[in-house]
Amino acid sequence: MKKLITSFLFSFLFLWWAFPLAMGAETPQILVASGRADQAVQSLQEQIRSAPTAENYNLLCRAYYELGAWDAGISACQNAVSLAPVSGMYHLWLGRIYGKKAEHTGFFSAAGLAKKVRVELERAVQLDPNNWQARTDLAEFYIEAPGVVGGGKDKARAQAESIARLNPAASDWVKARLDEKNNDTDAAERDYRAAVEASHGGARAWLNLAGFYRRNNRFDEMEQALTRLESSSLDHSAALVDGAGMLLRTGRDFPLAIRLVQRYLNPGSEEEEVPAFKAHCLLGELLEKQGDRAGAADQYRAALALAHDFRPAQDGLRRVSS
């Protein structure tokens, strides 16, 4: 049961949410969106001392989310919800960070946290029924979570129908996940490809199709989908980093993976979808695999300049500097 509770918490948190980059000076919004987590936390803590607003607490929660500081992030998100209880977005973020905490806790705590995830996601949808990201997160919860904590395929299917009018590609994705859960791989592939069509070849849909092929050990087709992702319409910047990570984990086409991360890190492409320090660290790992120790060291240092306690970058830098 713990495996079921925690697996859904990992899978839904990254695939379907995106937030626009605020424009202007080096505001906390921009620091969070661009992945400069250390600066964001410091700036927001200073602002909260004089202006403890719901927005500032929510931004602080998201910065802690990037850093993996789940307890501090939960406290900040709870403060945001307390100050603005009718904000669906704040409930969504509280649900997300409860989910991340559940991944890193014991069985009974995970079960209790999973129930909190459901409550917050359902509240987010209730408050903002046109938020397709919240509905998609909730649908994924219903698919993956056991019934004892509120999961259920029928509930997920109902969300897919509601999502269809808001984002047809997202609806097809939920249907594909349901097909996979029912071990109907032919139907799942059709629905993943329907999502590609509905999104007009968007990066998100190509990534999800590639993930389907990876889970079914169809690695050549996975690579083909990720090659299409490279030149696709960039409706979801994180797809570039997630696709590169997929190639790294399967040991396939490192040059393609490097190009994907480099595209994500290009000036003007900063978004909150993947913190910049994590993208730099991934690029360091890929360059290290290619034997470019100096280039890898530069990327690990770039990651640590943004998040000085990020352990994977610290470990990577030690490896290539020894």
C-alpha atoms as a PDB file:
ATOM      1  CA  MET A   1       0.000   0.000   0.000  1.00  0.00           C
ATOM      2  CA  LYS A   2       2.839   2.392   0.812  1.00  0.00           C
ATOM      3  CA  LYS A   3       4.171   1.857  -2.712  1.00  0.00           C
ATOM      4  CA  LEU A   4       0.765   2.783  -4.152  1.00  0.00           C
ATOM      5  CA  ILE A   5       0.466   5.832  -1.920  1.00  0.00           C
ATOM      6  CA  THR A   6       3.927   7.163  -2.688  1.00  0.00           C
ATOM      7  CA  SER A   7       4.105   6.281  -6.393  1.00  0.00           C
ATOM      8  CA  PHE A   8       1.237   8.566  -7.345  1.00  0.00           C
ATOM      9  CA  LEU A   9       2.741  11.348  -5.278  1.00  0.00           C
ATOM     10  CA  PHE A  10       5.878  11.292  -7.400  1.00  0.00           C
ATOM     11  CA  SER A  11       4.193  10.920 -10.762  1.00  0.00           C
ATOM     12  CA  PHE A  12       1.618  13.695 -10.788  1.00  0.00           C
ATOM     13  CA  LEU A  13       3.564  16.505  -9.233  1.00  0.00           C
ATOM     14  CA  PHE A  14       5.739  17.386 -12.226  1.00  0.00           C
ATOM     15  CA  LEU A  15       3.958  16.611 -15.439  1.00  0.00           C
ATOM     16  CA  TRP A  16       1.039  19.009 -15.597  1.00  0.00           C
ATOM     17  CA  TRP A  17       1.674  22.323 -13.864  1.00  0.00           C
ATOM     18  CA  ALA A  18       3.220  25.480 -15.224  1.00  0.00           C
ATOM     19  CA  PHE A  19       3.243  29.094 -14.162  1.00  0.00           C
ATOM     20  CA  PRO A  20       4.176  32.173 -16.214  1.00  0.00           C
ATOM     21  CA  LEU A  21       7.295  34.136 -15.470  1.00  0.00           C
ATOM     22  CA  ALA A  22       6.522  37.468 -13.884  1.00  0.00           C
ATOM     23  CA  MET A  23       7.960  40.453 -15.659  1.00  0.00           C
ATOM     24  CA  GLY A  24       9.957  43.264 -14.182  1.00  0.00           C
ATOM     25  CA  ALA A  25      12.793  43.605 -11.699  1.00  0.00           C
ATOM     26  CA  GLU A  26      14.307  40.863  -9.541  1.00  0.00           C
ATOM     27  CA  THR A  27      11.108  40.288  -7.622  1.00  0.00           C
ATOM     28  CA  PRO A  28      10.552  37.187  -5.459  1.00  0.00           C
ATOM     29  CA  GLN A  29       8.275  35.890  -8.209  1.00  0.00           C
ATOM     30  CA  ILE A  30      11.128  36.002 -10.711  1.00  0.00           C
ATOM     31  CA  LEU A  31      13.597  34.495  -8.243  1.00  0.00           C
ATOM     32  CA  VAL A  32      11.256  31.557  -7.610  1.00  0.00           C
ATOM     33  CA  ALA A  33      10.372  31.145 -11.286  1.00  0.00           C
ATOM     34  CA  SER A  34      13.993  31.163 -12.402  1.00  0.00           C
ATOM     35  CA  GLY A  35      15.062  28.651  -9.783  1.00  0.00           C
ATOM     36  CA  ARG A  36      17.264  30.968  -7.722  1.00  0.00           C
ATOM     37  CA  ALA A  37      16.033  29.314  -4.586  1.00  0.00           C
ATOM     38  CA  ASP A  38      18.564  30.644  -2.077  1.00  0.00           C
ATOM     39  CA  GLN A  39      17.910  34.227  -3.119  1.00  0.00           C
ATOM     40  CA  ALA A  40      14.169  33.644  -3.208  1.00  0.00           C
ATOM     41  CA  VAL A  41      14.033  32.314   0.356  1.00  0.00           C
ATOM     42  CA  GLN A  42      16.144  35.170   1.708  1.00  0.00           C
ATOM     43  CA  SER A  43      14.136  37.811  -0.146  1.00  0.00           C
ATOM     44  CA  LEU A  44      10.784  36.360   0.886  1.00  0.00           C
ATOM     45  CA  GLN A  45      11.745  35.958   4.531  1.00  0.00           C
ATOM     46  CA  GLU A  46      12.681  39.629   4.571  1.00  0.00           C
ATOM     47  CA  GLN A  47       9.411  40.635   2.917  1.00  0.00           C
ATOM     48  CA  ILE A  48       7.313  38.486   5.260  1.00  0.00           C
ATOM     49  CA  ARG A  49       8.776  40.251   8.275  1.00  0.00           C
ATOM     50  CA  SER A  50       7.211  43.480   7.053  1.00  0.00           C
ATOM     51  CA  ALA A  51       4.398  42.153   4.830  1.00  0.00           C
ATOM     52  CA  PRO A  52       3.177  38.676   5.863  1.00  0.00           C
ATOM     53  CA  THR A  53       0.825  38.319   2.904  1.00  0.00           C
ATOM     54  CA  ALA A  54      -0.684  35.134   1.507  1.00  0.00           C
ATOM     55  CA  GLU A  55       1.183  35.662  -1.771  1.00  0.00           C
ATOM     56  CA  ASN A  56       4.541  35.940  -0.019  1.00  0.00           C
ATOM     57  CA  TYR A  57       3.887  32.812   2.017  1.00  0.00           C
ATOM     58  CA  ASN A  58       2.844  30.910  -1.099  1.00  0.00           C
ATOM     59  CA  LEU A  59       5.984  31.980  -2.932  1.00  0.00           C
ATOM     60  CA  LEU A  60       8.080  30.948   0.071  1.00  0.00           C
ATOM     61  CA  CYS A  61       6.361  27.563   0.039  1.00  0.00           C
ATOM     62  CA  ARG A  62       7.252  27.130  -3.635  1.00  0.00           C
ATOM     63  CA  ALA A  63      10.884  28.089  -2.994  1.00  0.00           C
ATOM     64  CA  TYR A  64      11.107  25.530  -0.202  1.00  0.00           C
ATOM     65  CA  TYR A  65       9.444  23.024  -2.535  1.00  0.00           C
ATOM     66  CA  GLU A  66      12.304  23.507  -4.982  1.00  0.00           C
ATOM     67  CA  LEU A  67      14.850  22.961  -2.210  1.00  0.00           C
ATOM     68  CA  GLY A  68      13.153  19.866  -0.828  1.00  0.00           C
ATOM     69  CA  ALA A  69      12.496  21.528   2.539  1.00  0.00           C
ATOM     70  CA  TRP A  70       9.074  19.947   2.927  1.00  0.00           C
ATOM     71  CA  ASP A  71       8.305  20.850   6.548  1.00  0.00           C
ATOM     72  CA  ALA A  72       9.223  24.504   6.111  1.00  0.00           C
ATOM     73  CA  GLY A  73       7.274  24.587   2.857  1.00  0.00           C
ATOM     74  CA  ILE A  74       4.177  23.042   4.416  1.00  0.00           C
ATOM     75  CA  SER A  75       4.216  25.652   7.167  1.00  0.00           C
ATOM     76  CA  ALA A  76       4.489  28.453   4.602  1.00  0.00           C
ATOM     77  CA  CYS A  77       1.709  27.011   2.440  1.00  0.00           C
ATOM     78  CA  GLN A  78      -0.535  26.561   5.466  1.00  0.00           C
ATOM     79  CA  ASN A  79      -0.016  30.228   6.310  1.00  0.00           C
ATOM     80  CA  ALA A  80      -0.956  31.196   2.750  1.00  0.00           C
ATOM     81  CA  VAL A  81      -4.158  29.143   2.926  1.00  0.00           C
ATOM     82  CA  SER A  82      -4.976  30.541   6.357  1.00  0.00           C
ATOM     83  CA  LEU A  83      -4.669  34.112   5.073  1.00  0.00           C
ATOM     84  CA  ALA A  84      -6.498  33.461   1.783  1.00  0.00           C
ATOM     85  CA  PRO A  85      -8.710  30.393   2.257  1.00  0.00           C
ATOM     86  CA  VAL A  86     -10.657  30.947  -0.968  1.00  0.00           C
ATOM     87  CA  SER A  87      -7.603  30.803  -3.250  1.00  0.00           C
ATOM     88  CA  GLY A  88      -7.667  27.581  -5.228  1.00  0.00           C
ATOM     89  CA  MET A  89      -4.031  28.025  -6.231  1.00  0.00           C
ATOM     90  CA  TYR A  90      -2.856  28.165  -2.620  1.00  0.00           C
ATOM     91  CA  HIS A  91      -4.767  24.975  -1.798  1.00  0.00           C
ATOM     92  CA  LEU A  92      -3.221  23.345  -4.882  1.00  0.00           C
ATOM     93  CA  TRP A  93       0.294  24.122  -3.688  1.00  0.00           C
ATOM     94  CA  LEU A  94      -0.455  22.907  -0.185  1.00  0.00           C
ATOM     95  CA  GLY A  95      -1.679  19.627  -1.677  1.00  0.00           C
ATOM     96  CA  ARG A  96       1.452  19.322  -3.779  1.00  0.00           C
ATOM     97  CA  ILE A  97       3.854  19.847  -0.920  1.00  0.00           C
ATOM     98  CA  TYR A  98       1.919  17.444   1.314  1.00  0.00           C
ATOM     99  CA  GLY A  99       2.482  14.945  -1.489  1.00  0.00           C
ATOM    100  CA  LYS A 100       6.209  15.525  -1.598  1.00  0.00           C
ATOM    101  CA  LYS A 101       6.458  15.145   2.175  1.00  0.00           C
ATOM    102  CA  ALA A 102       4.558  11.846   1.940  1.00  0.00           C
ATOM    103  CA  GLU A 103       7.174  10.477  -0.455  1.00  0.00           C
ATOM    104  CA  HIS A 104       9.794  10.841   2.263  1.00  0.00           C
ATOM    105  CA  THR A 105       7.949   9.476   5.263  1.00  0.00           C
ATOM    106  CA  GLY A 106       6.799   6.173   6.756  1.00  0.00           C
ATOM    107  CA  PHE A 107       3.726   4.143   5.847  1.00  0.00           C
ATOM    108  CA  PHE A 108       1.246   5.501   8.372  1.00  0.00           C
ATOM    109  CA  SER A 109       2.367   9.105   7.942  1.00  0.00           C
ATOM    110  CA  ALA A 110       2.171   8.692   4.156  1.00  0.00           C
ATOM    111  CA  ALA A 111      -1.413   7.472   4.412  1.00  0.00           C
ATOM    112  CA  GLY A 112      -2.391  10.429   6.570  1.00  0.00           C
ATOM    113  CA  LEU A 113      -0.665  12.871   4.258  1.00  0.00           C
ATOM    114  CA  ALA A 114      -2.288  11.298   1.202  1.00  0.00           C
ATOM    115  CA  LYS A 115      -5.687  12.099   2.680  1.00  0.00           C
ATOM    116  CA  LYS A 116      -4.555  15.694   3.146  1.00  0.00           C
ATOM    117  CA  VAL A 117      -3.411  15.780  -0.494  1.00  0.00           C
ATOM    118  CA  ARG A 118      -6.888  14.705  -1.599  1.00  0.00           C
ATOM    119  CA  VAL A 119      -8.635  17.256   0.608  1.00  0.00           C
ATOM    120  CA  GLU A 120      -6.478  20.120  -0.692  1.00  0.00           C
ATOM    121  CA  LEU A 121      -6.739  19.127  -4.356  1.00  0.00           C
ATOM    122  CA  GLU A 122     -10.490  18.691  -4.133  1.00  0.00           C
ATOM    123  CA  ARG A 123     -10.742  22.078  -2.448  1.00  0.00           C
ATOM    124  CA  ALA A 124      -8.597  23.644  -5.182  1.00  0.00           C
ATOM    125  CA  VAL A 125     -10.927  22.275  -7.860  1.00  0.00           C
ATOM    126  CA  GLN A 126     -14.003  23.364  -5.921  1.00  0.00           C
ATOM    127  CA  LEU A 127     -12.695  26.917  -5.649  1.00  0.00           C
ATOM    128  CA  ASP A 128     -11.426  27.124  -9.228  1.00  0.00           C
ATOM    129  CA  PRO A 129     -13.274  24.572 -11.393  1.00  0.00           C
ATOM    130  CA  ASN A 130     -11.693  25.920 -14.586  1.00  0.00           C
ATOM    131  CA  ASN A 131      -8.133  25.222 -13.400  1.00  0.00           C
ATOM    132  CA  TRP A 132      -7.230  22.245 -15.574  1.00  0.00           C
ATOM    133  CA  GLN A 133      -3.903  21.739 -13.792  1.00  0.00           C
ATOM    134  CA  ALA A 134      -5.672  21.242 -10.459  1.00  0.00           C
ATOM    135  CA  ARG A 135      -8.183  18.888 -12.049  1.00  0.00           C
ATOM    136  CA  THR A 136      -5.389  16.897 -13.697  1.00  0.00           C
ATOM    137  CA  ASP A 137      -3.463  16.598 -10.442  1.00  0.00           C
ATOM    138  CA  LEU A 138      -6.664  15.439  -8.753  1.00  0.00           C
ATOM    139  CA  ALA A 139      -7.372  12.922 -11.514  1.00  0.00           C
ATOM    140  CA  GLU A 140      -3.877  11.473 -11.156  1.00  0.00           C
ATOM    141  CA  PHE A 141      -4.432  11.173  -7.420  1.00  0.00           C
ATOM    142  CA  TYR A 142      -7.663   9.276  -8.017  1.00  0.00           C
ATOM    143  CA  ILE A 143      -5.915   6.925 -10.471  1.00  0.00           C
ATOM    144  CA  GLU A 144      -2.904   6.080  -8.333  1.00  0.00           C
ATOM    145  CA  ALA A 145      -4.110   6.327  -4.734  1.00  0.00           C
ATOM    146  CA  PRO A 146      -5.760   3.321  -3.085  1.00  0.00           C
ATOM    147  CA  GLY A 147      -9.429   3.563  -2.219  1.00  0.00           C
ATOM    148  CA  VAL A 148      -8.727   3.748   1.517  1.00  0.00           C
ATOM    149  CA  VAL A 149      -7.349   7.279   1.054  1.00  0.00           C
ATOM    150  CA  GLY A 150      -9.945   8.333  -1.517  1.00  0.00           C
ATOM    151  CA  GLY A 151      -8.656   7.005  -4.832  1.00  0.00           C
ATOM    152  CA  GLY A 152     -10.948   5.641  -7.520  1.00  0.00           C
ATOM    153  CA  LYS A 153     -10.924   5.148 -11.291  1.00  0.00           C
ATOM    154  CA  ASP A 154     -14.513   6.345 -11.697  1.00  0.00           C
ATOM    155  CA  LYS A 155     -13.590   9.611  -9.991  1.00  0.00           C
ATOM    156  CA  ALA A 156     -10.628  10.008 -12.344  1.00  0.00           C
ATOM    157  CA  ARG A 157     -12.822   9.337 -15.366  1.00  0.00           C
ATOM    158  CA  ALA A 158     -15.237  12.040 -14.233  1.00  0.00           C
ATOM    159  CA  GLN A 159     -12.351  14.480 -13.982  1.00  0.00           C
ATOM    160  CA  ALA A 160     -11.235  13.549 -17.501  1.00  0.00           C
ATOM    161  CA  GLU A 161     -14.672  14.525 -18.797  1.00  0.00           C
ATOM    162  CA  SER A 162     -14.517  17.870 -16.997  1.00  0.00           C
ATOM    163  CA  ILE A 163     -10.979  18.526 -18.243  1.00  0.00           C
ATOM    164  CA  ALA A 164     -11.978  17.839 -21.865  1.00  0.00           C
ATOM    165  CA  ARG A 165     -13.638  21.232 -22.268  1.00  0.00           C
ATOM    166  CA  LEU A 166     -10.661  23.027 -20.673  1.00  0.00           C
ATOM    167  CA  ASN A 167      -7.705  21.188 -22.199  1.00  0.00           C
ATOM    168  CA  PRO A 168      -8.467  18.259 -24.542  1.00  0.00           C
ATOM    169  CA  ALA A 169      -4.855  17.044 -24.532  1.00  0.00           C
ATOM    170  CA  ALA A 170      -4.834  16.853 -20.731  1.00  0.00           C
ATOM    171  CA  SER A 171      -8.076  14.899 -20.840  1.00  0.00           C
ATOM    172  CA  ASP A 172      -6.541  12.417 -23.293  1.00  0.00           C
ATOM    173  CA  TRP A 173      -3.566  12.054 -20.931  1.00  0.00           C
ATOM    174  CA  VAL A 174      -5.826  11.149 -18.013  1.00  0.00           C
ATOM    175  CA  LYS A 175      -7.610   8.597 -20.193  1.00  0.00           C
ATOM    176  CA  ALA A 176      -4.259   7.136 -21.222  1.00  0.00           C
ATOM    177  CA  ARG A 177      -3.213   6.798 -17.577  1.00  0.00           C
ATOM    178  CA  LEU A 178      -6.490   5.016 -16.859  1.00  0.00           C
ATOM    179  CA  ASP A 179      -5.848   2.686 -19.807  1.00  0.00           C
ATOM    180  CA  GLU A 180      -2.405   1.867 -18.435  1.00  0.00           C
ATOM    181  CA  LYS A 181      -3.859   1.204 -15.005  1.00  0.00           C
ATOM    182  CA  ASN A 182      -6.235  -1.249 -16.685  1.00  0.00           C
ATOM    183  CA  ASN A 183      -3.300  -2.880 -18.540  1.00  0.00           C
ATOM    184  CA  ASP A 184      -4.747  -1.899 -21.925  1.00  0.00           C
ATOM    185  CA  THR A 185      -1.559  -0.766 -23.654  1.00  0.00           C
ATOM    186  CA  ASP A 186      -3.128  -0.485 -27.109  1.00  0.00           C
ATOM    187  CA  ALA A 187      -5.778   1.934 -25.860  1.00  0.00           C
ATOM    188  CA  ALA A 188      -3.179   3.811 -23.827  1.00  0.00           C
ATOM    189  CA  GLU A 189      -0.984   4.360 -26.881  1.00  0.00           C
ATOM    190  CA  ARG A 190      -3.969   5.609 -28.860  1.00  0.00           C
ATOM    191  CA  ASP A 191      -4.849   8.086 -26.133  1.00  0.00           C
ATOM    192  CA  TYR A 192      -1.268   9.312 -25.747  1.00  0.00           C
ATOM    193  CA  ARG A 193      -1.150   9.869 -29.504  1.00  0.00           C
ATOM    194  CA  ALA A 194      -4.526  11.599 -29.341  1.00  0.00           C
ATOM    195  CA  ALA A 195      -2.969  13.983 -26.816  1.00  0.00           C
ATOM    196  CA  VAL A 196      -0.157  14.732 -29.274  1.00  0.00           C
ATOM    197  CA  GLU A 197      -2.768  15.520 -31.925  1.00  0.00           C
ATOM    198  CA  ALA A 198      -4.938  17.611 -29.595  1.00  0.00           C
ATOM    199  CA  SER A 199      -1.923  19.641 -28.443  1.00  0.00           C
ATOM    200  CA  HIS A 200      -0.778  20.210 -32.058  1.00  0.00           C
ATOM    201  CA  GLY A 201       2.456  18.368 -31.331  1.00  0.00           C
ATOM    202  CA  GLY A 202       3.200  20.012 -27.994  1.00  0.00           C
ATOM    203  CA  ALA A 203       6.266  19.069 -25.961  1.00  0.00           C
ATOM    204  CA  ARG A 204       4.217  17.859 -22.997  1.00  0.00           C
ATOM    205  CA  ALA A 205       2.373  15.262 -25.065  1.00  0.00           C
ATOM    206  CA  TRP A 206       5.534  13.994 -26.777  1.00  0.00           C
ATOM    207  CA  LEU A 207       7.161  13.589 -23.357  1.00  0.00           C
ATOM    208  CA  ASN A 208       4.235  11.592 -22.034  1.00  0.00           C
ATOM    209  CA  LEU A 209       4.226   9.359 -25.111  1.00  0.00           C
ATOM    210  CA  ALA A 210       7.965   8.808 -24.629  1.00  0.00           C
ATOM    211  CA  GLY A 211       7.336   7.894 -20.990  1.00  0.00           C
ATOM    212  CA  PHE A 212       4.751   5.334 -22.073  1.00  0.00           C
ATOM    213  CA  TYR A 213       7.278   3.744 -24.430  1.00  0.00           C
ATOM    214  CA  ARG A 214       9.926   3.710 -21.675  1.00  0.00           C
ATOM    215  CA  ARG A 215       7.585   1.950 -19.247  1.00  0.00           C
ATOM    216  CA  ASN A 216       6.957  -0.676 -21.923  1.00  0.00           C
ATOM    217  CA  ASN A 217      10.659  -1.112 -22.783  1.00  0.00           C
ATOM    218  CA  ARG A 218      10.158   0.272 -26.292  1.00  0.00           C
ATOM    219  CA  PHE A 219      13.307   2.359 -26.151  1.00  0.00           C
ATOM    220  CA  ASP A 220      13.779   3.070 -29.852  1.00  0.00           C
ATOM    221  CA  GLU A 221      10.273   4.526 -30.013  1.00  0.00           C
ATOM    222  CA  MET A 222      10.996   6.456 -26.812  1.00  0.00           C
ATOM    223  CA  GLU A 223      13.991   8.067 -28.502  1.00  0.00           C
ATOM    224  CA  GLN A 224      11.926   8.868 -31.594  1.00  0.00           C
ATOM    225  CA  ALA A 225       9.320  10.623 -29.460  1.00  0.00           C
ATOM    226  CA  LEU A 226      11.999  12.630 -27.642  1.00  0.00           C
ATOM    227  CA  THR A 227      13.560  13.601 -30.964  1.00  0.00           C
ATOM    228  CA  ARG A 228      10.170  14.957 -32.000  1.00  0.00           C
ATOM    229  CA  LEU A 229       9.970  16.753 -28.640  1.00  0.00           C
ATOM    230  CA  GLU A 230      13.229  18.576 -29.413  1.00  0.00           C
ATOM    231  CA  SER A 231      11.629  20.494 -32.281  1.00  0.00           C
ATOM    232  CA  SER A 232       8.087  20.607 -30.915  1.00  0.00           C
ATOM    233  CA  SER A 233       5.952  23.521 -29.819  1.00  0.00           C
ATOM    234  CA  LEU A 234       7.226  24.341 -26.334  1.00  0.00           C
ATOM    235  CA  ASP A 235       3.986  24.346 -24.371  1.00  0.00           C
ATOM    236  CA  HIS A 236       5.731  22.893 -21.317  1.00  0.00           C
ATOM    237  CA  SER A 237       9.381  23.814 -20.846  1.00  0.00           C
ATOM    238  CA  ALA A 238       9.927  21.167 -18.177  1.00  0.00           C
ATOM    239  CA  ALA A 239       9.430  18.521 -20.875  1.00  0.00           C
ATOM    240  CA  LEU A 240      12.916  19.345 -22.102  1.00  0.00           C
ATOM    241  CA  VAL A 241      14.496  18.562 -18.740  1.00  0.00           C
ATOM    242  CA  ASP A 242      12.262  15.572 -18.046  1.00  0.00           C
ATOM    243  CA  GLY A 243      13.066  14.153 -21.477  1.00  0.00           C
ATOM    244  CA  ALA A 244      16.774  14.597 -20.861  1.00  0.00           C
ATOM    245  CA  GLY A 245      16.431  12.845 -17.517  1.00  0.00           C
ATOM    246  CA  MET A 246      14.647   9.963 -19.235  1.00  0.00           C
ATOM    247  CA  LEU A 247      17.532   9.560 -21.653  1.00  0.00           C
ATOM    248  CA  LEU A 248      20.063   9.690 -18.810  1.00  0.00           C
ATOM    249  CA  ARG A 249      18.257   7.020 -16.793  1.00  0.00           C
ATOM    250  CA  THR A 250      17.961   4.685 -19.773  1.00  0.00           C
ATOM    251  CA  GLY A 251      21.503   5.350 -21.047  1.00  0.00           C
ATOM    252  CA  ARG A 252      20.316   6.535 -24.456  1.00  0.00           C
ATOM    253  CA  ASP A 253      21.431   9.377 -26.762  1.00  0.00           C
ATOM    254  CA  PHE A 254      23.284  11.645 -24.330  1.00  0.00           C
ATOM    255  CA  PRO A 255      23.951  14.287 -27.042  1.00  0.00           C
ATOM    256  CA  LEU A 256      20.177  14.699 -27.534  1.00  0.00           C
ATOM    257  CA  ALA A 257      19.721  14.929 -23.770  1.00  0.00           C
ATOM    258  CA  ILE A 258      22.389  17.637 -23.552  1.00  0.00           C
ATOM    259  CA  ARG A 259      20.709  19.667 -26.304  1.00  0.00           C
ATOM    260  CA  LEU A 260      17.358  19.433 -24.512  1.00  0.00           C
ATOM    261  CA  VAL A 261      18.741  20.806 -21.239  1.00  0.00           C
ATOM    262  CA  GLN A 262      20.731  23.506 -23.017  1.00  0.00           C
ATOM    263  CA  ARG A 263      17.570  24.646 -24.757  1.00  0.00           C
ATOM    264  CA  TYR A 264      15.776  24.828 -21.410  1.00  0.00           C
ATOM    265  CA  LEU A 265      18.578  26.941 -19.938  1.00  0.00           C
ATOM    266  CA  ASN A 266      18.690  29.372 -22.856  1.00  0.00           C
ATOM    267  CA  PRO A 267      18.085  33.005 -21.825  1.00  0.00           C
ATOM    268  CA  GLY A 268      14.417  33.870 -21.932  1.00  0.00           C
ATOM    269  CA  SER A 269      13.206  30.324 -21.313  1.00  0.00           C
ATOM    270  CA  GLU A 270      13.213  30.485 -17.507  1.00  0.00           C
ATOM    271  CA  GLU A 271      10.031  29.140 -15.953  1.00  0.00           C
ATOM    272  CA  GLU A 272       9.167  27.673 -12.599  1.00  0.00           C
ATOM    273  CA  GLU A 273       8.563  24.237 -14.064  1.00  0.00           C
ATOM    274  CA  VAL A 274      12.060  22.970 -13.204  1.00  0.00           C
ATOM    275  CA  PRO A 275      14.381  24.978 -10.927  1.00  0.00           C
ATOM    276  CA  ALA A 276      17.440  26.165 -12.823  1.00  0.00           C
ATOM    277  CA  PHE A 277      19.798  24.603 -10.276  1.00  0.00           C
ATOM    278  CA  LYS A 278      18.338  21.166 -10.986  1.00  0.00           C
ATOM    279  CA  ALA A 279      18.680  21.687 -14.740  1.00  0.00           C
ATOM    280  CA  HIS A 280      22.331  22.706 -14.326  1.00  0.00           C
ATOM    281  CA  CYS A 281      22.963  19.633 -12.189  1.00  0.00           C
ATOM    282  CA  LEU A 282      21.366  17.348 -14.777  1.00  0.00           C
ATOM    283  CA  LEU A 283      23.481  18.917 -17.504  1.00  0.00           C
ATOM    284  CA  GLY A 284      26.531  18.301 -15.314  1.00  0.00           C
ATOM    285  CA  GLU A 285      25.622  14.612 -15.007  1.00  0.00           C
ATOM    286  CA  LEU A 286      25.212  14.310 -18.768  1.00  0.00           C
ATOM    287  CA  LEU A 287      28.518  16.020 -19.504  1.00  0.00           C
ATOM    288  CA  GLU A 288      30.173  13.801 -16.902  1.00  0.00           C
ATOM    289  CA  LYS A 289      28.794  10.733 -18.702  1.00  0.00           C
ATOM    290  CA  GLN A 290      30.320  12.090 -21.909  1.00  0.00           C
ATOM    291  CA  GLY A 291      33.724  12.433 -20.234  1.00  0.00           C
ATOM    292  CA  ASP A 292      33.659  16.240 -20.099  1.00  0.00           C
ATOM    293  CA  ARG A 293      34.718  16.635 -16.462  1.00  0.00           C
ATOM    294  CA  ALA A 294      35.551  20.336 -16.772  1.00  0.00           C
ATOM    295  CA  GLY A 295      32.203  21.139 -18.358  1.00  0.00           C
ATOM    296  CA  ALA A 296      30.430  19.036 -15.740  1.00  0.00           C
ATOM    297  CA  ALA A 297      32.234  20.880 -12.941  1.00  0.00           C
ATOM    298  CA  ASP A 298      31.099  24.210 -14.377  1.00  0.00           C
ATOM    299  CA  GLN A 299      27.480  23.050 -14.364  1.00  0.00           C
ATOM    300  CA  TYR A 300      27.670  21.681 -10.819  1.00  0.00           C
ATOM    301  CA  ARG A 301      29.124  25.016  -9.667  1.00  0.00           C
ATOM    302  CA  ALA A 302      26.334  26.862 -11.480  1.00  0.00           C
ATOM    303  CA  ALA A 303      23.792  24.737  -9.614  1.00  0.00           C
ATOM    304  CA  LEU A 304      25.433  25.384  -6.255  1.00  0.00           C
ATOM    305  CA  ALA A 305      25.556  29.123  -6.932  1.00  0.00           C
ATOM    306  CA  LEU A 306      21.741  28.994  -6.981  1.00  0.00           C
ATOM    307  CA  ALA A 307      21.185  26.435  -4.205  1.00  0.00           C
ATOM    308  CA  HIS A 308      24.324  25.964  -2.137  1.00  0.00           C
ATOM    309  CA  ASP A 309      23.041  22.944  -0.166  1.00  0.00           C
ATOM    310  CA  PHE A 310      21.869  20.920  -3.174  1.00  0.00           C
ATOM    311  CA  ARG A 311      23.414  17.540  -2.420  1.00  0.00           C
ATOM    312  CA  PRO A 312      23.439  16.005  -5.948  1.00  0.00           C
ATOM    313  CA  ALA A 313      25.464  18.976  -7.233  1.00  0.00           C
ATOM    314  CA  GLN A 314      27.805  18.790  -4.244  1.00  0.00           C
ATOM    315  CA  ASP A 315      28.368  15.081  -4.853  1.00  0.00           C
ATOM    316  CA  GLY A 316      28.834  15.608  -8.577  1.00  0.00           C
ATOM    317  CA  LEU A 317      31.400  18.343  -8.069  1.00  0.00           C
ATOM    318  CA  ARG A 318      33.365  16.097  -5.707  1.00  0.00           C
ATOM    319  CA  ARG A 319      33.344  13.294  -8.282  1.00  0.00           C
ATOM    320  CA  VAL A 320      34.690  15.349 -11.155  1.00  0.00           C
ATOM    321  CA  SER A 321      37.169  17.269  -8.991  1.00  0.00           C
ATOM    322  CA  SER A 322      38.847  14.215  -7.465  1.00  0.00           C
END
